[in-house]
Structure formats: C-alpha cells, structure tokens
Amino acid sequence: MTADLFSQTPLQEAIHALRSDLIQEDGPRISTMRNYRFAIVQYDPKDEFRLRREVRRLNTELVSEGWMVLTINLQKLLLDRVRSQGEDFIQRLVEREKRTSQKSIERGIQDLQTRLAPLIEGPEGIAADCSRIICDYADQNAETIDRTVAIVGRAGALYPFFRSSALLRHLDGRTRNVPVVLLYPGERRGEKGLSFMGVVDPDSDYRPRIY
C-alpha cells in the first residue's frame, strides 16, 4: 500500500486525497467552511485523458462506498447554449469568425468572446445550468443527498471564453449544499493562484480547496 502511494503521479495523489476527504464518516471535508462545499482538482491540460481515466475510477470507488456521483459536462452545456440560439445565429457566428480571422486570428477569437460572453457568463449563464442540474437532482433524490457529489468537467472547452473561477463564484449558495468538484485544466501559481489552461493570467480569487 505504501509503495503504491509513493509511486503515484501528482494527479493520482490529488484524486486519492479528494476521495479520502469525500468519504469521511461525518461528511465531506473538502472545505474548511461548513456551508462552502467546493473543491478544485488542478491538472495539466495535456493530461486530459489521464484525468478522465482517474475520474472514472474515482466514480466507481465512490459508488462502491454508497455515493451518488452527478457528472456535469461543461462542453455539452456550452454547445447546448449556442444551439439554443438557432441555426441562423450559428451560421452568422461562423461566417463572421471566418471574416475576422482572415484579418487576424486574435481578432477572430476576441470577436467570438464578445458574442458568446452574454450566453455563458454571469449568474444566469453556464453557472445557472449547473445549478439547475444539481438542484433538480437533489430535489428528486432527497434521500441520498447527504451522499451525493457533483463533478464538473470538460472545462477546457470553455477556453478562452470563460474563466472557471467565475463559475464557482456564481454557484455559491445554489447547489443545495451538494459538494461540487471542478476539474481544472491549468497551472498552479503560488499557493492559491491558478492559470486557466496555463495561458490566462493567474486568478487568485479562489476560496475552494485546491487538490
């Protein structure tokens, strides 16, 4: 057992520590604040597929311990929001991106950010979709709510349109106190700073525990 722990990668160590903190007898210990049950698992973006394998293993272990695992795919939520605007909106978005990118790739990306931001940012953006999924599940499964965890992944799909730190801020108080774990592709800078995808300027406005 000791040998296995010493041979773990940093990602495996993070997942192992998260699992240990989740299944405590007196409830999850992923935060030092009783009513703030948020945590972040930071990983190198190039380890995306390794992360998915580890998370699948974690899910299996949690279920075997009697936990319910609610998985939220941010890529799907982003695409659902875009599709909800209709085919005309998507076509105009694509055509405009092609035109602006011919002048400058950076300008094309900035234009996309400007047009997608109203759909995904703020308390009524993707955060609202995550809240709805978690709260609907909690309302329908009240008997198991004390042993439920929501794992939010595929955050890389939101780059460069959305900062993950904003997602957790807008989820605060909107999860029926269900523990929420955000899988965060990026780099750790200092004790609490995180750089989304290792590209965005570090954001130190993180209250959750970072694994």
N, C-alpha and C. Protein backbone atom coordinates (compact mmCIF):
# COMPACT_ATOMS: atom_id res chain seq x y z
N MET A 1 0.84 -1.21 0.00
CA MET A 1 0.00 0.00 0.00
C MET A 1 0.87 1.26 0.00
N THR A 2 1.89 1.28 0.89
CA THR A 2 2.78 2.43 0.94
C THR A 2 3.52 2.61 -0.36
N ALA A 3 3.97 1.50 -0.95
CA ALA A 3 4.70 1.58 -2.21
C ALA A 3 3.81 2.17 -3.30
N ASP A 4 2.53 1.77 -3.30
CA ASP A 4 1.61 2.28 -4.31
C ASP A 4 1.47 3.79 -4.18
N LEU A 5 1.39 4.29 -2.94
CA LEU A 5 1.22 5.72 -2.73
C LEU A 5 2.45 6.49 -3.20
N PHE A 6 3.65 5.94 -2.91
CA PHE A 6 4.86 6.62 -3.31
C PHE A 6 5.05 6.63 -4.82
N SER A 7 4.43 5.69 -5.52
CA SER A 7 4.60 5.60 -6.97
C SER A 7 3.53 6.37 -7.73
N GLN A 8 2.62 7.01 -7.00
CA GLN A 8 1.54 7.74 -7.65
C GLN A 8 2.05 9.01 -8.31
N THR A 9 1.38 9.39 -9.41
CA THR A 9 1.65 10.66 -10.06
C THR A 9 0.97 11.76 -9.24
N PRO A 10 1.34 13.04 -9.45
CA PRO A 10 0.66 14.13 -8.74
C PRO A 10 -0.85 14.11 -8.97
N LEU A 11 -1.28 13.77 -10.18
CA LEU A 11 -2.71 13.71 -10.47
C LEU A 11 -3.38 12.61 -9.65
N GLN A 12 -2.76 11.45 -9.59
CA GLN A 12 -3.32 10.34 -8.81
C GLN A 12 -3.35 10.68 -7.32
N GLU A 13 -2.31 11.38 -6.85
CA GLU A 13 -2.28 11.80 -5.45
C GLU A 13 -3.43 12.75 -5.15
N ALA A 14 -3.71 13.66 -6.08
CA ALA A 14 -4.81 14.61 -5.89
C ALA A 14 -6.15 13.90 -5.82
N ILE A 15 -6.37 12.96 -6.73
CA ILE A 15 -7.63 12.21 -6.75
C ILE A 15 -7.76 11.37 -5.48
N HIS A 16 -6.66 10.76 -5.06
CA HIS A 16 -6.67 9.94 -3.84
C HIS A 16 -7.04 10.79 -2.63
N ALA A 17 -6.45 11.99 -2.52
CA ALA A 17 -6.74 12.89 -1.40
C ALA A 17 -8.20 13.35 -1.43
N LEU A 18 -8.71 13.64 -2.62
CA LEU A 18 -10.11 14.06 -2.77
C LEU A 18 -11.04 12.94 -2.30
N ARG A 19 -10.79 11.73 -2.76
CA ARG A 19 -11.63 10.59 -2.37
C ARG A 19 -11.64 10.43 -0.85
N SER A 20 -10.46 10.53 -0.24
CA SER A 20 -10.36 10.38 1.20
C SER A 20 -11.16 11.44 1.93
N ASP A 21 -11.10 12.67 1.45
CA ASP A 21 -11.83 13.76 2.10
C ASP A 21 -13.33 13.68 1.88
N LEU A 22 -13.75 13.09 0.78
CA LEU A 22 -15.19 13.00 0.49
C LEU A 22 -15.89 11.98 1.37
N ILE A 23 -15.26 10.85 1.63
CA ILE A 23 -15.97 9.73 2.26
C ILE A 23 -15.79 9.69 3.78
N GLN A 24 -15.50 10.83 4.39
CA GLN A 24 -15.40 10.88 5.84
C GLN A 24 -16.75 10.56 6.49
N GLU A 25 -16.74 9.88 7.62
CA GLU A 25 -17.96 9.45 8.28
C GLU A 25 -18.86 10.63 8.66
N ASP A 26 -18.26 11.75 9.03
CA ASP A 26 -19.06 12.91 9.44
C ASP A 26 -19.36 13.85 8.28
N GLY A 27 -19.14 13.39 7.05
CA GLY A 27 -19.44 14.19 5.88
C GLY A 27 -18.18 14.67 5.17
N PRO A 28 -18.33 15.15 3.95
CA PRO A 28 -17.18 15.59 3.16
C PRO A 28 -16.36 16.67 3.86
N ARG A 29 -15.05 16.58 3.71
CA ARG A 29 -14.15 17.56 4.29
C ARG A 29 -13.33 18.25 3.20
N ILE A 30 -13.98 18.59 2.12
CA ILE A 30 -13.26 19.20 1.01
C ILE A 30 -13.10 20.71 1.21
N SER A 31 -13.67 21.24 2.28
CA SER A 31 -13.55 22.66 2.56
C SER A 31 -13.50 22.86 4.06
N THR A 32 -12.81 23.91 4.50
CA THR A 32 -12.77 24.24 5.92
C THR A 32 -14.02 24.99 6.35
N MET A 33 -14.85 25.39 5.39
CA MET A 33 -16.08 26.11 5.69
C MET A 33 -17.27 25.18 5.54
N ARG A 34 -18.07 25.07 6.57
CA ARG A 34 -19.16 24.09 6.63
C ARG A 34 -20.14 24.24 5.46
N ASN A 35 -20.50 25.46 5.13
CA ASN A 35 -21.51 25.68 4.09
C ASN A 35 -20.91 26.10 2.76
N TYR A 36 -19.64 25.77 2.57
CA TYR A 36 -19.00 26.08 1.29
C TYR A 36 -18.31 24.82 0.79
N ARG A 37 -19.07 23.98 0.12
CA ARG A 37 -18.58 22.66 -0.28
C ARG A 37 -18.11 22.65 -1.74
N PHE A 38 -17.02 23.36 -1.98
CA PHE A 38 -16.44 23.41 -3.33
C PHE A 38 -14.97 23.01 -3.26
N ALA A 39 -14.53 22.33 -4.28
CA ALA A 39 -13.12 21.95 -4.38
C ALA A 39 -12.70 21.96 -5.84
N ILE A 40 -11.40 22.09 -6.05
CA ILE A 40 -10.84 22.10 -7.40
C ILE A 40 -9.76 21.04 -7.50
N VAL A 41 -9.82 20.25 -8.55
CA VAL A 41 -8.72 19.34 -8.88
C VAL A 41 -7.99 19.96 -10.07
N GLN A 42 -6.79 20.48 -9.81
CA GLN A 42 -6.00 21.11 -10.87
C GLN A 42 -5.14 20.06 -11.56
N TYR A 43 -5.09 20.13 -12.88
CA TYR A 43 -4.28 19.17 -13.64
C TYR A 43 -3.72 19.85 -14.88
N ASP A 44 -2.64 19.30 -15.39
CA ASP A 44 -2.02 19.81 -16.61
C ASP A 44 -2.96 19.51 -17.78
N PRO A 45 -3.27 20.51 -18.62
CA PRO A 45 -4.18 20.27 -19.75
C PRO A 45 -3.76 19.09 -20.63
N LYS A 46 -2.47 18.82 -20.73
CA LYS A 46 -2.04 17.70 -21.58
C LYS A 46 -2.39 16.35 -20.96
N ASP A 47 -2.80 16.35 -19.68
CA ASP A 47 -3.19 15.12 -19.00
C ASP A 47 -4.70 14.88 -19.03
N GLU A 48 -5.40 15.52 -19.96
CA GLU A 48 -6.86 15.43 -20.01
C GLU A 48 -7.36 13.99 -20.02
N PHE A 49 -6.78 13.15 -20.86
CA PHE A 49 -7.27 11.78 -20.96
C PHE A 49 -6.88 10.94 -19.74
N ARG A 50 -5.72 11.24 -19.17
CA ARG A 50 -5.35 10.57 -17.91
C ARG A 50 -6.33 10.96 -16.81
N LEU A 51 -6.68 12.24 -16.78
CA LEU A 51 -7.64 12.70 -15.79
C LEU A 51 -8.96 11.95 -15.92
N ARG A 52 -9.44 11.81 -17.15
CA ARG A 52 -10.73 11.14 -17.35
C ARG A 52 -10.68 9.71 -16.85
N ARG A 53 -9.57 9.02 -17.06
CA ARG A 53 -9.44 7.65 -16.55
C ARG A 53 -9.48 7.64 -15.02
N GLU A 54 -8.77 8.58 -14.41
CA GLU A 54 -8.74 8.63 -12.95
C GLU A 54 -10.11 8.97 -12.38
N VAL A 55 -10.82 9.87 -13.05
CA VAL A 55 -12.15 10.26 -12.57
C VAL A 55 -13.14 9.10 -12.71
N ARG A 56 -13.04 8.33 -13.81
CA ARG A 56 -13.89 7.14 -13.95
C ARG A 56 -13.63 6.16 -12.82
N ARG A 57 -12.35 5.99 -12.47
CA ARG A 57 -12.00 5.09 -11.37
C ARG A 57 -12.54 5.63 -10.06
N LEU A 58 -12.42 6.94 -9.85
CA LEU A 58 -12.96 7.56 -8.65
C LEU A 58 -14.46 7.35 -8.55
N ASN A 59 -15.16 7.56 -9.66
CA ASN A 59 -16.61 7.37 -9.68
C ASN A 59 -16.98 5.96 -9.22
N THR A 60 -16.27 4.97 -9.76
CA THR A 60 -16.54 3.58 -9.42
C THR A 60 -16.33 3.34 -7.93
N GLU A 61 -15.24 3.89 -7.39
CA GLU A 61 -14.93 3.71 -5.97
C GLU A 61 -15.96 4.39 -5.08
N LEU A 62 -16.39 5.60 -5.47
CA LEU A 62 -17.38 6.30 -4.68
C LEU A 62 -18.71 5.57 -4.67
N VAL A 63 -19.12 5.07 -5.83
CA VAL A 63 -20.38 4.32 -5.92
C VAL A 63 -20.32 3.09 -5.04
N SER A 64 -19.15 2.42 -5.02
CA SER A 64 -19.00 1.22 -4.19
C SER A 64 -19.08 1.56 -2.70
N GLU A 65 -18.81 2.84 -2.37
CA GLU A 65 -18.90 3.29 -0.98
C GLU A 65 -20.30 3.81 -0.66
N GLY A 66 -21.22 3.68 -1.62
CA GLY A 66 -22.59 4.12 -1.40
C GLY A 66 -22.88 5.55 -1.76
N TRP A 67 -21.99 6.16 -2.57
CA TRP A 67 -22.18 7.54 -3.00
C TRP A 67 -22.88 7.61 -4.35
N MET A 68 -23.58 8.72 -4.57
CA MET A 68 -24.16 9.02 -5.87
C MET A 68 -23.29 10.09 -6.51
N VAL A 69 -22.88 9.87 -7.76
CA VAL A 69 -21.99 10.80 -8.45
C VAL A 69 -22.74 11.44 -9.62
N LEU A 70 -22.87 12.75 -9.57
CA LEU A 70 -23.53 13.51 -10.64
C LEU A 70 -22.45 14.16 -11.49
N THR A 71 -22.38 13.78 -12.76
CA THR A 71 -21.34 14.30 -13.65
C THR A 71 -21.92 15.40 -14.54
N ILE A 72 -21.23 16.54 -14.59
CA ILE A 72 -21.68 17.67 -15.41
C ILE A 72 -20.61 17.98 -16.44
N ASN A 73 -21.01 17.99 -17.71
CA ASN A 73 -20.11 18.21 -18.84
C ASN A 73 -20.25 19.65 -19.33
N LEU A 74 -19.23 20.48 -19.06
CA LEU A 74 -19.31 21.89 -19.44
C LEU A 74 -19.29 22.09 -20.95
N GLN A 75 -18.64 21.20 -21.67
CA GLN A 75 -18.64 21.30 -23.13
C GLN A 75 -20.06 21.15 -23.67
N LYS A 76 -20.79 20.19 -23.14
CA LYS A 76 -22.17 19.99 -23.59
C LYS A 76 -23.04 21.20 -23.25
N LEU A 77 -22.85 21.77 -22.06
CA LEU A 77 -23.64 22.94 -21.68
C LEU A 77 -23.36 24.12 -22.59
N LEU A 78 -22.08 24.30 -22.95
CA LEU A 78 -21.71 25.38 -23.88
C LEU A 78 -22.39 25.18 -25.23
N LEU A 79 -22.29 23.97 -25.79
CA LEU A 79 -22.88 23.70 -27.10
C LEU A 79 -24.40 23.82 -27.06
N ASP A 80 -25.01 23.37 -25.98
CA ASP A 80 -26.47 23.48 -25.84
C ASP A 80 -26.89 24.94 -25.85
N ARG A 81 -26.11 25.79 -25.18
CA ARG A 81 -26.44 27.22 -25.14
C ARG A 81 -26.33 27.84 -26.53
N VAL A 82 -25.30 27.49 -27.26
CA VAL A 82 -25.11 28.04 -28.61
C VAL A 82 -26.23 27.54 -29.53
N ARG A 83 -26.52 26.25 -29.48
CA ARG A 83 -27.57 25.68 -30.35
C ARG A 83 -28.94 26.25 -30.05
N SER A 84 -29.17 26.63 -28.79
CA SER A 84 -30.47 27.17 -28.42
C SER A 84 -30.78 28.50 -29.12
N GLN A 85 -29.73 29.14 -29.67
CA GLN A 85 -29.93 30.41 -30.37
C GLN A 85 -30.43 30.24 -31.79
N GLY A 86 -30.41 28.99 -32.27
CA GLY A 86 -30.93 28.72 -33.61
C GLY A 86 -29.85 28.66 -34.68
N GLU A 87 -30.21 28.05 -35.79
CA GLU A 87 -29.26 27.85 -36.89
C GLU A 87 -28.78 29.17 -37.50
N ASP A 88 -29.66 30.15 -37.58
CA ASP A 88 -29.27 31.44 -38.16
C ASP A 88 -28.16 32.09 -37.33
N PHE A 89 -28.30 32.04 -36.02
CA PHE A 89 -27.28 32.62 -35.14
C PHE A 89 -25.94 31.92 -35.34
N ILE A 90 -25.97 30.59 -35.40
CA ILE A 90 -24.73 29.82 -35.56
C ILE A 90 -24.07 30.13 -36.90
N GLN A 91 -24.89 30.21 -37.96
CA GLN A 91 -24.34 30.49 -39.28
C GLN A 91 -23.69 31.87 -39.33
N ARG A 92 -24.36 32.85 -38.74
CA ARG A 92 -23.79 34.20 -38.71
C ARG A 92 -22.51 34.23 -37.89
N LEU A 93 -22.49 33.48 -36.80
CA LEU A 93 -21.31 33.41 -35.93
C LEU A 93 -20.12 32.83 -36.69
N VAL A 94 -20.38 31.74 -37.43
CA VAL A 94 -19.32 31.08 -38.19
C VAL A 94 -18.79 31.99 -39.29
N GLU A 95 -19.71 32.59 -40.04
CA GLU A 95 -19.30 33.45 -41.15
C GLU A 95 -18.52 34.66 -40.66
N ARG A 96 -18.96 35.26 -39.56
CA ARG A 96 -18.25 36.43 -39.03
C ARG A 96 -16.86 36.02 -38.53
N GLU A 97 -16.76 34.86 -37.88
CA GLU A 97 -15.46 34.40 -37.38
C GLU A 97 -14.50 34.17 -38.53
N LYS A 98 -14.99 33.64 -39.63
CA LYS A 98 -14.13 33.41 -40.81
C LYS A 98 -13.61 34.73 -41.35
N ARG A 99 -14.48 35.73 -41.43
CA ARG A 99 -14.08 37.03 -41.97
C ARG A 99 -13.06 37.72 -41.08
N THR A 100 -13.34 37.75 -39.79
CA THR A 100 -12.44 38.46 -38.88
C THR A 100 -11.11 37.73 -38.73
N SER A 101 -11.13 36.40 -38.79
CA SER A 101 -9.89 35.63 -38.64
C SER A 101 -8.96 35.81 -39.83
N GLN A 102 -9.53 36.14 -41.00
CA GLN A 102 -8.69 36.40 -42.17
C GLN A 102 -7.81 37.63 -41.94
N LYS A 103 -8.32 38.57 -41.17
CA LYS A 103 -7.56 39.78 -40.86
C LYS A 103 -6.58 39.51 -39.71
N SER A 104 -7.05 38.77 -38.71
CA SER A 104 -6.22 38.45 -37.55
C SER A 104 -6.89 37.34 -36.75
N ILE A 105 -6.14 36.28 -36.45
CA ILE A 105 -6.69 35.18 -35.65
C ILE A 105 -7.11 35.69 -34.28
N GLU A 106 -6.26 36.55 -33.70
CA GLU A 106 -6.58 37.10 -32.38
C GLU A 106 -7.88 37.91 -32.42
N ARG A 107 -8.06 38.66 -33.52
CA ARG A 107 -9.28 39.46 -33.65
C ARG A 107 -10.50 38.55 -33.77
N GLY A 108 -10.35 37.44 -34.48
CA GLY A 108 -11.46 36.49 -34.63
C GLY A 108 -11.86 35.90 -33.29
N ILE A 109 -10.86 35.54 -32.46
CA ILE A 109 -11.14 34.98 -31.15
C ILE A 109 -11.81 36.02 -30.26
N GLN A 110 -11.31 37.24 -30.29
CA GLN A 110 -11.89 38.30 -29.47
C GLN A 110 -13.34 38.56 -29.86
N ASP A 111 -13.62 38.49 -31.15
CA ASP A 111 -15.00 38.71 -31.60
C ASP A 111 -15.91 37.60 -31.10
N LEU A 112 -15.41 36.36 -31.14
CA LEU A 112 -16.19 35.23 -30.63
C LEU A 112 -16.45 35.40 -29.13
N GLN A 113 -15.43 35.82 -28.41
CA GLN A 113 -15.60 36.04 -26.98
C GLN A 113 -16.69 37.06 -26.70
N THR A 114 -16.68 38.15 -27.46
CA THR A 114 -17.66 39.20 -27.27
C THR A 114 -19.08 38.69 -27.52
N ARG A 115 -19.24 37.84 -28.53
CA ARG A 115 -20.57 37.38 -28.91
C ARG A 115 -21.07 36.22 -28.05
N LEU A 116 -20.14 35.43 -27.52
CA LEU A 116 -20.55 34.29 -26.70
C LEU A 116 -20.69 34.65 -25.23
N ALA A 117 -19.98 35.68 -24.80
CA ALA A 117 -19.98 36.05 -23.38
C ALA A 117 -21.38 36.22 -22.80
N PRO A 118 -22.30 36.93 -23.48
CA PRO A 118 -23.64 37.10 -22.90
C PRO A 118 -24.39 35.78 -22.68
N LEU A 119 -24.01 34.75 -23.44
CA LEU A 119 -24.68 33.46 -23.33
C LEU A 119 -24.18 32.64 -22.15
N ILE A 120 -22.92 32.80 -21.79
CA ILE A 120 -22.32 31.87 -20.84
C ILE A 120 -21.84 32.49 -19.54
N GLU A 121 -21.61 33.80 -19.51
CA GLU A 121 -21.08 34.43 -18.31
C GLU A 121 -22.18 34.85 -17.34
N GLY A 122 -21.78 35.19 -16.13
CA GLY A 122 -22.70 35.72 -15.14
C GLY A 122 -23.52 34.65 -14.44
N PRO A 123 -24.30 35.04 -13.46
CA PRO A 123 -25.10 34.08 -12.68
C PRO A 123 -26.17 33.37 -13.49
N GLU A 124 -26.57 33.93 -14.62
CA GLU A 124 -27.60 33.29 -15.45
C GLU A 124 -27.00 32.59 -16.67
N GLY A 125 -25.70 32.46 -16.69
CA GLY A 125 -25.03 31.76 -17.79
C GLY A 125 -24.89 30.29 -17.50
N ILE A 126 -23.73 29.73 -17.83
CA ILE A 126 -23.49 28.30 -17.62
C ILE A 126 -23.62 27.93 -16.15
N ALA A 127 -23.29 28.86 -15.25
CA ALA A 127 -23.45 28.58 -13.82
C ALA A 127 -24.90 28.23 -13.49
N ALA A 128 -25.85 28.91 -14.14
CA ALA A 128 -27.27 28.63 -13.90
C ALA A 128 -27.63 27.23 -14.37
N ASP A 129 -27.04 26.79 -15.48
CA ASP A 129 -27.29 25.43 -15.98
C ASP A 129 -26.78 24.39 -14.98
N CYS A 130 -25.57 24.63 -14.46
CA CYS A 130 -25.00 23.71 -13.47
C CYS A 130 -25.88 23.67 -12.22
N SER A 131 -26.31 24.84 -11.76
CA SER A 131 -27.17 24.92 -10.58
C SER A 131 -28.47 24.15 -10.80
N ARG A 132 -29.07 24.34 -11.97
CA ARG A 132 -30.34 23.66 -12.27
C ARG A 132 -30.17 22.15 -12.23
N ILE A 133 -29.10 21.65 -12.85
CA ILE A 133 -28.86 20.20 -12.88
C ILE A 133 -28.68 19.65 -11.47
N ILE A 134 -27.88 20.35 -10.67
CA ILE A 134 -27.62 19.88 -9.30
C ILE A 134 -28.87 19.95 -8.45
N CYS A 135 -29.59 21.07 -8.51
CA CYS A 135 -30.78 21.24 -7.67
C CYS A 135 -31.90 20.28 -8.09
N ASP A 136 -32.08 20.08 -9.40
CA ASP A 136 -33.10 19.13 -9.87
C ASP A 136 -32.80 17.73 -9.35
N TYR A 137 -31.52 17.36 -9.43
CA TYR A 137 -31.12 16.04 -8.95
C TYR A 137 -31.36 15.93 -7.44
N ALA A 138 -30.99 16.98 -6.70
CA ALA A 138 -31.16 16.97 -5.26
C ALA A 138 -32.63 16.86 -4.87
N ASP A 139 -33.50 17.58 -5.58
CA ASP A 139 -34.93 17.55 -5.27
C ASP A 139 -35.53 16.18 -5.56
N GLN A 140 -35.02 15.50 -6.58
CA GLN A 140 -35.56 14.20 -6.97
C GLN A 140 -34.95 13.04 -6.19
N ASN A 141 -33.84 13.32 -5.49
CA ASN A 141 -33.15 12.25 -4.76
C ASN A 141 -32.81 12.72 -3.34
N ALA A 142 -33.80 13.28 -2.67
CA ALA A 142 -33.57 13.86 -1.35
C ALA A 142 -33.01 12.85 -0.35
N GLU A 143 -33.38 11.58 -0.52
CA GLU A 143 -32.96 10.56 0.44
C GLU A 143 -31.47 10.25 0.37
N THR A 144 -30.82 10.61 -0.74
CA THR A 144 -29.39 10.31 -0.89
C THR A 144 -28.54 11.58 -0.99
N ILE A 145 -29.14 12.73 -0.70
CA ILE A 145 -28.45 13.99 -0.92
C ILE A 145 -27.20 14.13 -0.05
N ASP A 146 -27.21 13.49 1.14
CA ASP A 146 -26.06 13.59 2.03
C ASP A 146 -24.87 12.76 1.53
N ARG A 147 -25.11 11.93 0.52
CA ARG A 147 -24.03 11.12 -0.04
C ARG A 147 -23.97 11.31 -1.56
N THR A 148 -24.09 12.56 -1.97
CA THR A 148 -24.05 12.92 -3.38
C THR A 148 -22.93 13.92 -3.61
N VAL A 149 -22.21 13.77 -4.72
CA VAL A 149 -21.19 14.73 -5.11
C VAL A 149 -21.35 15.05 -6.59
N ALA A 150 -21.19 16.31 -6.95
CA ALA A 150 -21.25 16.73 -8.35
C ALA A 150 -19.82 16.97 -8.83
N ILE A 151 -19.46 16.32 -9.94
CA ILE A 151 -18.14 16.50 -10.53
C ILE A 151 -18.31 17.23 -11.86
N VAL A 152 -17.72 18.43 -11.95
CA VAL A 152 -17.88 19.28 -13.13
C VAL A 152 -16.60 19.21 -13.96
N GLY A 153 -16.73 18.70 -15.18
CA GLY A 153 -15.56 18.52 -16.03
C GLY A 153 -15.70 19.11 -17.42
N ARG A 154 -14.70 18.85 -18.25
CA ARG A 154 -14.59 19.37 -19.61
C ARG A 154 -14.54 20.90 -19.63
N ALA A 155 -13.90 21.48 -18.61
CA ALA A 155 -13.78 22.94 -18.53
C ALA A 155 -12.92 23.51 -19.65
N GLY A 156 -12.01 22.71 -20.19
CA GLY A 156 -11.15 23.20 -21.26
C GLY A 156 -11.93 23.68 -22.47
N ALA A 157 -13.15 23.14 -22.66
CA ALA A 157 -13.97 23.55 -23.80
C ALA A 157 -14.40 25.01 -23.69
N LEU A 158 -14.34 25.57 -22.49
CA LEU A 158 -14.76 26.96 -22.30
C LEU A 158 -13.65 27.96 -22.62
N TYR A 159 -12.43 27.47 -22.77
CA TYR A 159 -11.32 28.37 -23.09
C TYR A 159 -11.42 28.81 -24.55
N PRO A 160 -11.22 30.09 -24.87
CA PRO A 160 -10.87 31.21 -23.98
C PRO A 160 -12.07 32.09 -23.63
N PHE A 161 -13.26 31.49 -23.63
CA PHE A 161 -14.47 32.30 -23.50
C PHE A 161 -14.93 32.55 -22.07
N PHE A 162 -14.38 31.80 -21.11
CA PHE A 162 -14.96 31.83 -19.78
C PHE A 162 -13.90 31.46 -18.74
N ARG A 163 -13.90 32.15 -17.61
CA ARG A 163 -12.97 31.83 -16.53
C ARG A 163 -13.67 30.92 -15.53
N SER A 164 -13.04 29.79 -15.22
CA SER A 164 -13.66 28.82 -14.33
C SER A 164 -13.89 29.36 -12.93
N SER A 165 -13.05 30.31 -12.49
CA SER A 165 -13.24 30.88 -11.16
C SER A 165 -14.61 31.52 -11.03
N ALA A 166 -15.07 32.15 -12.11
CA ALA A 166 -16.37 32.80 -12.10
C ALA A 166 -17.49 31.78 -11.92
N LEU A 167 -17.31 30.59 -12.48
CA LEU A 167 -18.33 29.54 -12.39
C LEU A 167 -18.60 29.21 -10.93
N LEU A 168 -17.55 28.99 -10.14
CA LEU A 168 -17.74 28.62 -8.74
C LEU A 168 -18.33 29.77 -7.93
N ARG A 169 -17.92 30.99 -8.24
CA ARG A 169 -18.50 32.14 -7.52
C ARG A 169 -20.01 32.22 -7.74
N HIS A 170 -20.44 31.98 -8.97
CA HIS A 170 -21.86 32.09 -9.28
C HIS A 170 -22.65 30.87 -8.81
N LEU A 171 -21.96 29.78 -8.48
CA LEU A 171 -22.65 28.58 -7.96
C LEU A 171 -22.85 28.64 -6.45
N ASP A 172 -22.10 29.49 -5.80
CA ASP A 172 -22.16 29.58 -4.35
C ASP A 172 -23.60 29.86 -3.88
N GLY A 173 -24.11 29.00 -3.00
CA GLY A 173 -25.47 29.15 -2.48
C GLY A 173 -26.55 28.61 -3.39
N ARG A 174 -26.16 27.93 -4.47
CA ARG A 174 -27.15 27.47 -5.46
C ARG A 174 -26.99 25.98 -5.77
N THR A 175 -26.55 25.20 -4.78
CA THR A 175 -26.28 23.77 -5.04
C THR A 175 -26.93 22.84 -4.02
N ARG A 176 -27.85 23.36 -3.20
CA ARG A 176 -28.48 22.57 -2.13
C ARG A 176 -27.43 21.98 -1.19
N ASN A 177 -26.28 22.62 -1.10
CA ASN A 177 -25.17 22.19 -0.25
C ASN A 177 -24.55 20.86 -0.71
N VAL A 178 -24.79 20.50 -1.96
CA VAL A 178 -24.14 19.31 -2.53
C VAL A 178 -22.67 19.65 -2.79
N PRO A 179 -21.73 18.79 -2.39
CA PRO A 179 -20.32 19.05 -2.68
C PRO A 179 -20.09 19.11 -4.20
N VAL A 180 -19.33 20.10 -4.64
CA VAL A 180 -19.05 20.29 -6.06
C VAL A 180 -17.54 20.29 -6.27
N VAL A 181 -17.09 19.46 -7.20
CA VAL A 181 -15.67 19.37 -7.52
C VAL A 181 -15.49 19.81 -8.97
N LEU A 182 -14.68 20.83 -9.17
CA LEU A 182 -14.38 21.32 -10.52
C LEU A 182 -13.05 20.75 -10.97
N LEU A 183 -13.04 20.09 -12.12
CA LEU A 183 -11.82 19.57 -12.73
C LEU A 183 -11.21 20.70 -13.55
N TYR A 184 -10.04 21.19 -13.14
CA TYR A 184 -9.50 22.44 -13.66
C TYR A 184 -8.22 22.23 -14.47
N PRO A 185 -8.29 22.39 -15.80
CA PRO A 185 -7.08 22.28 -16.62
C PRO A 185 -6.29 23.58 -16.57
N GLY A 186 -5.09 23.52 -16.03
CA GLY A 186 -4.30 24.74 -15.93
C GLY A 186 -3.06 24.54 -15.10
N GLU A 187 -2.49 25.63 -14.65
CA GLU A 187 -1.27 25.60 -13.85
C GLU A 187 -1.50 26.27 -12.52
N ARG A 188 -0.86 25.74 -11.51
CA ARG A 188 -0.93 26.36 -10.19
C ARG A 188 0.19 27.37 -10.07
N ARG A 189 -0.13 28.57 -9.65
CA ARG A 189 0.85 29.64 -9.48
C ARG A 189 0.81 30.11 -8.03
N GLY A 190 1.80 29.75 -7.27
CA GLY A 190 1.80 30.11 -5.86
C GLY A 190 0.86 29.21 -5.08
N GLU A 191 0.46 29.67 -3.89
CA GLU A 191 -0.37 28.84 -3.01
C GLU A 191 -1.80 28.70 -3.51
N LYS A 192 -2.39 29.79 -4.00
CA LYS A 192 -3.80 29.75 -4.40
C LYS A 192 -4.05 30.25 -5.81
N GLY A 193 -3.02 30.67 -6.52
CA GLY A 193 -3.22 31.18 -7.87
C GLY A 193 -3.34 30.06 -8.88
N LEU A 194 -4.26 30.23 -9.82
CA LEU A 194 -4.46 29.26 -10.90
C LEU A 194 -4.52 29.98 -12.24
N SER A 195 -3.82 29.44 -13.21
CA SER A 195 -3.84 29.97 -14.57
C SER A 195 -4.62 29.01 -15.46
N PHE A 196 -5.78 29.44 -15.94
CA PHE A 196 -6.64 28.58 -16.76
C PHE A 196 -5.90 28.20 -18.04
N MET A 197 -5.78 26.91 -18.29
CA MET A 197 -5.09 26.32 -19.44
C MET A 197 -3.60 26.67 -19.47
N GLY A 198 -3.10 27.26 -18.36
CA GLY A 198 -1.70 27.65 -18.33
C GLY A 198 -1.40 28.85 -19.20
N VAL A 199 -2.45 29.54 -19.65
CA VAL A 199 -2.31 30.67 -20.56
C VAL A 199 -2.87 31.95 -19.96
N VAL A 200 -4.07 31.86 -19.38
CA VAL A 200 -4.74 33.03 -18.83
C VAL A 200 -3.98 33.53 -17.60
N ASP A 201 -3.94 34.84 -17.42
CA ASP A 201 -3.29 35.41 -16.25
C ASP A 201 -3.83 34.75 -14.98
N PRO A 202 -2.94 34.43 -14.02
CA PRO A 202 -3.37 33.73 -12.80
C PRO A 202 -4.47 34.47 -12.07
N ASP A 203 -5.42 33.69 -11.59
CA ASP A 203 -6.52 34.21 -10.79
C ASP A 203 -6.35 33.67 -9.38
N SER A 204 -6.23 34.55 -8.42
CA SER A 204 -6.05 34.13 -7.02
C SER A 204 -7.34 34.19 -6.22
N ASP A 205 -8.45 34.48 -6.89
CA ASP A 205 -9.73 34.63 -6.21
C ASP A 205 -10.42 33.27 -6.06
N TYR A 206 -9.74 32.37 -5.35
CA TYR A 206 -10.29 31.03 -5.17
C TYR A 206 -10.47 30.73 -3.70
N ARG A 207 -11.68 30.47 -3.29
CA ARG A 207 -11.97 30.06 -1.92
C ARG A 207 -11.91 28.55 -1.75
N PRO A 208 -12.21 27.76 -2.78
CA PRO A 208 -12.24 26.31 -2.59
C PRO A 208 -10.85 25.75 -2.31
N ARG A 209 -10.83 24.56 -1.73
CA ARG A 209 -9.57 23.85 -1.57
C ARG A 209 -9.09 23.40 -2.96
N ILE A 210 -7.81 23.53 -3.20
CA ILE A 210 -7.23 23.11 -4.48
C ILE A 210 -6.44 21.83 -4.25
N TYR A 211 -6.81 20.77 -4.94
CA TYR A 211 -6.10 19.48 -4.83
C TYR A 211 -5.05 19.40 -5.94
